[in-house]
C-alpha cells in the first residue's frame, strides 16, 4: 500500500540513494482509520505522524497490549518503521 503513496526522486541531498517523499496527511489519516478499526476503540485520540522516514504514534490506552497492537498494525499497513510509540498507558 505504501508504495503507491511514495514518489521516488533522483538522489538525496547527500547523494546516497533515491529520495523518498514523506507520506501526506491523507495517507496517515487512512492508516489511523485502519488501525482504529482493528483496535476497536482501545486507543483514544490516536495520531500518527511521519518523521525521518518512520512513524510516531500518539494517543492514550488502558493497556500495554493495545499500545503494542497499534504499533504492529501501523507498521503493517504503512510499511514504514516505527520511530517512537508515544501512546500513553493510563
N, C-alpha and C. Protein backbone atom coordinates (compact mmCIF):
# COMPACT_ATOMS: atom_id res chain seq x y z
N UNK A 1 0.82 -1.19 0.00
CA UNK A 1 0.00 0.00 0.00
C UNK A 1 0.86 1.25 0.00
N UNK A 2 1.91 1.29 0.78
CA UNK A 2 2.75 2.47 0.89
C UNK A 2 3.43 2.82 -0.42
N UNK A 3 3.75 1.83 -1.21
CA UNK A 3 4.49 2.09 -2.44
C UNK A 3 3.71 2.98 -3.40
N UNK A 4 2.39 2.94 -3.36
CA UNK A 4 1.60 3.79 -4.23
C UNK A 4 1.59 5.24 -3.75
N UNK A 5 1.90 5.47 -2.50
CA UNK A 5 1.85 6.82 -1.94
C UNK A 5 3.17 7.55 -2.06
N UNK A 6 4.27 6.84 -2.04
CA UNK A 6 5.58 7.46 -2.09
C UNK A 6 5.99 7.71 -3.52
N UNK A 7 6.74 8.80 -3.71
CA UNK A 7 7.26 9.14 -5.02
C UNK A 7 8.77 9.16 -4.94
N UNK A 8 9.41 8.48 -5.86
CA UNK A 8 10.87 8.45 -5.85
C UNK A 8 11.43 9.62 -6.65
N UNK A 9 12.50 10.18 -6.13
CA UNK A 9 13.20 11.26 -6.81
C UNK A 9 14.53 10.75 -7.32
N UNK A 10 15.44 11.64 -7.60
CA UNK A 10 16.74 11.23 -8.11
C UNK A 10 17.65 10.77 -6.99
N UNK A 11 18.20 11.67 -6.23
CA UNK A 11 19.12 11.34 -5.14
C UNK A 11 18.79 12.18 -3.92
N UNK A 12 19.20 11.71 -2.76
CA UNK A 12 19.04 12.51 -1.55
C UNK A 12 20.04 13.65 -1.58
N UNK A 13 19.95 14.54 -0.60
CA UNK A 13 20.86 15.68 -0.54
C UNK A 13 22.31 15.22 -0.42
N UNK A 14 22.54 14.07 0.19
CA UNK A 14 23.90 13.57 0.35
C UNK A 14 24.36 12.78 -0.86
N UNK A 15 23.43 12.53 -1.80
CA UNK A 15 23.79 11.79 -3.00
C UNK A 15 23.74 10.29 -2.81
N UNK A 16 23.19 9.83 -1.71
CA UNK A 16 23.12 8.39 -1.42
C UNK A 16 21.71 7.88 -1.65
N UNK A 17 21.48 7.17 -2.70
CA UNK A 17 20.20 6.52 -2.92
C UNK A 17 19.11 7.46 -3.35
N UNK A 18 17.96 6.88 -3.72
CA UNK A 18 16.84 7.69 -4.18
C UNK A 18 16.17 8.42 -3.03
N UNK A 19 15.69 9.62 -3.31
CA UNK A 19 14.94 10.38 -2.31
C UNK A 19 13.52 9.86 -2.29
N UNK A 20 12.92 9.78 -1.13
CA UNK A 20 11.55 9.32 -0.99
C UNK A 20 10.75 10.42 -0.32
N UNK A 21 9.64 10.76 -0.93
CA UNK A 21 8.78 11.81 -0.38
C UNK A 21 8.02 11.26 0.82
N UNK A 22 7.90 12.05 1.86
CA UNK A 22 7.16 11.64 3.05
C UNK A 22 5.68 11.46 2.70
N UNK A 23 5.01 10.55 3.41
CA UNK A 23 3.59 10.36 3.14
C UNK A 23 2.80 11.61 3.50
N UNK A 24 1.73 11.85 2.76
CA UNK A 24 0.91 13.03 3.03
C UNK A 24 -0.07 12.75 4.15
N UNK A 25 -0.74 13.78 4.63
CA UNK A 25 -1.67 13.65 5.77
C UNK A 25 -2.81 12.71 5.42
N UNK A 26 -3.26 12.72 4.18
CA UNK A 26 -4.35 11.84 3.77
C UNK A 26 -3.96 10.37 3.96
N UNK A 27 -2.74 10.02 3.59
CA UNK A 27 -2.23 8.66 3.78
C UNK A 27 -2.19 8.31 5.26
N UNK A 28 -1.68 9.22 6.09
CA UNK A 28 -1.59 8.97 7.53
C UNK A 28 -2.98 8.86 8.16
N UNK A 29 -3.94 9.66 7.69
CA UNK A 29 -5.32 9.55 8.19
C UNK A 29 -5.90 8.18 7.86
N UNK A 30 -5.61 7.68 6.68
CA UNK A 30 -6.07 6.35 6.27
C UNK A 30 -5.47 5.27 7.18
N UNK A 31 -4.19 5.39 7.49
CA UNK A 31 -3.54 4.43 8.39
C UNK A 31 -4.19 4.51 9.78
N UNK A 32 -4.41 5.71 10.28
CA UNK A 32 -5.07 5.88 11.59
C UNK A 32 -6.42 5.18 11.60
N UNK A 33 -7.21 5.38 10.54
CA UNK A 33 -8.53 4.80 10.46
C UNK A 33 -8.46 3.27 10.44
N UNK A 34 -7.53 2.72 9.69
CA UNK A 34 -7.40 1.27 9.60
C UNK A 34 -6.93 0.68 10.93
N UNK A 35 -5.99 1.35 11.59
CA UNK A 35 -5.51 0.88 12.89
C UNK A 35 -6.66 0.91 13.90
N UNK A 36 -7.39 2.02 13.95
CA UNK A 36 -8.51 2.14 14.88
C UNK A 36 -9.56 1.06 14.62
N UNK A 37 -9.78 0.73 13.36
CA UNK A 37 -10.74 -0.31 13.00
C UNK A 37 -10.32 -1.66 13.60
N UNK A 38 -9.04 -1.95 13.57
CA UNK A 38 -8.52 -3.21 14.12
C UNK A 38 -8.54 -3.21 15.66
N UNK A 39 -8.40 -2.04 16.25
CA UNK A 39 -8.29 -1.95 17.71
C UNK A 39 -9.64 -1.87 18.42
N UNK A 40 -10.68 -1.56 17.71
CA UNK A 40 -11.99 -1.49 18.32
C UNK A 40 -12.10 -0.45 19.42
N UNK A 41 -11.45 0.70 19.25
CA UNK A 41 -11.54 1.79 20.21
C UNK A 41 -10.65 1.65 21.44
N UNK A 42 -9.68 0.74 21.40
CA UNK A 42 -8.81 0.54 22.57
C UNK A 42 -7.76 1.63 22.74
N UNK A 43 -7.56 2.46 21.69
CA UNK A 43 -6.63 3.60 21.80
C UNK A 43 -7.44 4.86 21.47
N UNK A 44 -7.45 5.79 22.42
CA UNK A 44 -8.17 7.05 22.23
C UNK A 44 -7.22 8.11 21.66
N UNK A 45 -7.79 8.99 20.86
CA UNK A 45 -7.06 10.13 20.28
C UNK A 45 -5.80 9.68 19.54
N UNK A 46 -5.89 8.58 18.80
CA UNK A 46 -4.73 8.09 18.04
C UNK A 46 -4.34 9.08 16.97
N UNK A 47 -3.06 9.45 16.95
CA UNK A 47 -2.49 10.28 15.89
C UNK A 47 -1.21 9.62 15.43
N UNK A 48 -1.00 9.61 14.13
CA UNK A 48 0.21 9.05 13.55
C UNK A 48 0.90 10.16 12.78
N UNK A 49 2.16 10.38 13.10
CA UNK A 49 2.98 11.40 12.45
C UNK A 49 4.11 10.72 11.72
N UNK A 50 4.65 11.39 10.71
CA UNK A 50 5.78 10.85 9.96
C UNK A 50 6.99 11.75 10.16
N UNK A 51 8.10 11.15 10.58
CA UNK A 51 9.37 11.86 10.74
C UNK A 51 10.49 10.95 10.29
N UNK A 52 11.44 11.51 9.58
CA UNK A 52 12.64 10.80 9.17
C UNK A 52 12.35 9.41 8.59
N UNK A 53 11.34 9.33 7.73
CA UNK A 53 11.04 8.07 7.07
C UNK A 53 10.40 7.03 7.95
N UNK A 54 9.92 7.42 9.12
CA UNK A 54 9.27 6.49 10.03
C UNK A 54 8.07 7.15 10.70
N UNK A 55 7.40 6.40 11.55
CA UNK A 55 6.18 6.87 12.17
C UNK A 55 6.35 7.10 13.67
N UNK A 56 5.60 8.06 14.19
CA UNK A 56 5.45 8.26 15.62
C UNK A 56 3.97 8.09 15.93
N UNK A 57 3.67 7.26 16.92
CA UNK A 57 2.30 7.02 17.33
C UNK A 57 2.04 7.77 18.63
N UNK A 58 0.87 8.42 18.70
CA UNK A 58 0.47 9.14 19.90
C UNK A 58 -0.99 8.83 20.21
N UNK A 59 -1.32 8.87 21.47
CA UNK A 59 -2.69 8.62 21.91
C UNK A 59 -2.69 8.15 23.34
N UNK A 60 -3.83 7.57 23.77
CA UNK A 60 -3.96 7.07 25.13
C UNK A 60 -4.64 5.71 25.09
N UNK A 61 -4.21 4.83 26.00
CA UNK A 61 -4.78 3.50 26.07
C UNK A 61 -4.82 3.05 27.53
N UNK A 62 -5.64 2.05 27.80
CA UNK A 62 -5.71 1.49 29.14
C UNK A 62 -4.86 0.24 29.28
N UNK A 63 -4.17 -0.18 28.21
CA UNK A 63 -3.34 -1.39 28.31
C UNK A 63 -2.12 -1.30 27.40
N UNK A 64 -1.07 -1.96 27.84
CA UNK A 64 0.15 -2.06 27.03
C UNK A 64 -0.10 -2.93 25.80
N UNK A 65 -1.00 -3.87 25.93
CA UNK A 65 -1.33 -4.75 24.80
C UNK A 65 -1.92 -3.92 23.64
N UNK A 66 -2.84 -3.02 23.95
CA UNK A 66 -3.43 -2.17 22.91
C UNK A 66 -2.37 -1.27 22.29
N UNK A 67 -1.46 -0.77 23.11
CA UNK A 67 -0.35 0.06 22.61
C UNK A 67 0.49 -0.74 21.62
N UNK A 68 0.80 -1.98 21.97
CA UNK A 68 1.60 -2.84 21.10
C UNK A 68 0.84 -3.20 19.82
N UNK A 69 -0.44 -3.48 19.94
CA UNK A 69 -1.26 -3.79 18.76
C UNK A 69 -1.29 -2.61 17.79
N UNK A 70 -1.44 -1.41 18.32
CA UNK A 70 -1.46 -0.21 17.47
C UNK A 70 -0.16 -0.10 16.70
N UNK A 71 0.95 -0.34 17.37
CA UNK A 71 2.26 -0.27 16.71
C UNK A 71 2.36 -1.32 15.61
N UNK A 72 1.95 -2.53 15.91
CA UNK A 72 2.03 -3.62 14.94
C UNK A 72 1.20 -3.29 13.69
N UNK A 73 -0.04 -2.85 13.89
CA UNK A 73 -0.91 -2.57 12.75
C UNK A 73 -0.43 -1.35 11.95
N UNK A 74 0.05 -0.32 12.63
CA UNK A 74 0.55 0.87 11.92
C UNK A 74 1.71 0.50 11.02
N UNK A 75 2.62 -0.31 11.52
CA UNK A 75 3.76 -0.72 10.71
C UNK A 75 3.32 -1.62 9.56
N UNK A 76 2.41 -2.52 9.82
CA UNK A 76 1.91 -3.43 8.79
C UNK A 76 1.22 -2.66 7.66
N UNK A 77 0.35 -1.73 8.00
CA UNK A 77 -0.43 -1.01 6.98
C UNK A 77 0.40 0.02 6.22
N UNK A 78 1.37 0.63 6.88
CA UNK A 78 2.14 1.70 6.24
C UNK A 78 3.41 1.20 5.58
N UNK A 79 3.91 0.05 6.04
CA UNK A 79 5.19 -0.49 5.57
C UNK A 79 6.35 0.45 5.90
N UNK A 80 6.19 1.22 6.99
CA UNK A 80 7.23 2.13 7.47
C UNK A 80 7.64 1.71 8.88
N UNK A 81 8.89 1.98 9.26
CA UNK A 81 9.31 1.64 10.62
C UNK A 81 8.68 2.58 11.65
N UNK A 82 8.55 2.08 12.86
CA UNK A 82 8.04 2.89 13.96
C UNK A 82 9.25 3.54 14.64
N UNK A 83 9.31 4.86 14.62
CA UNK A 83 10.42 5.59 15.27
C UNK A 83 10.16 5.76 16.76
N UNK A 84 8.87 5.94 17.13
CA UNK A 84 8.53 6.08 18.55
C UNK A 84 7.07 5.73 18.75
N UNK A 85 6.79 5.02 19.83
CA UNK A 85 5.42 4.74 20.22
C UNK A 85 5.16 5.52 21.50
N UNK A 86 4.54 6.68 21.34
CA UNK A 86 4.28 7.58 22.45
C UNK A 86 2.85 7.46 22.97
N UNK A 87 2.21 6.31 22.69
CA UNK A 87 0.87 6.08 23.23
C UNK A 87 1.01 5.92 24.73
N UNK A 88 0.29 6.75 25.45
CA UNK A 88 0.36 6.75 26.92
C UNK A 88 -0.60 5.71 27.48
N UNK A 89 -0.11 4.86 28.36
CA UNK A 89 -0.97 3.89 29.03
C UNK A 89 -1.42 4.51 30.35
N UNK A 90 -2.73 4.69 30.48
CA UNK A 90 -3.28 5.38 31.66
C UNK A 90 -4.08 4.43 32.54
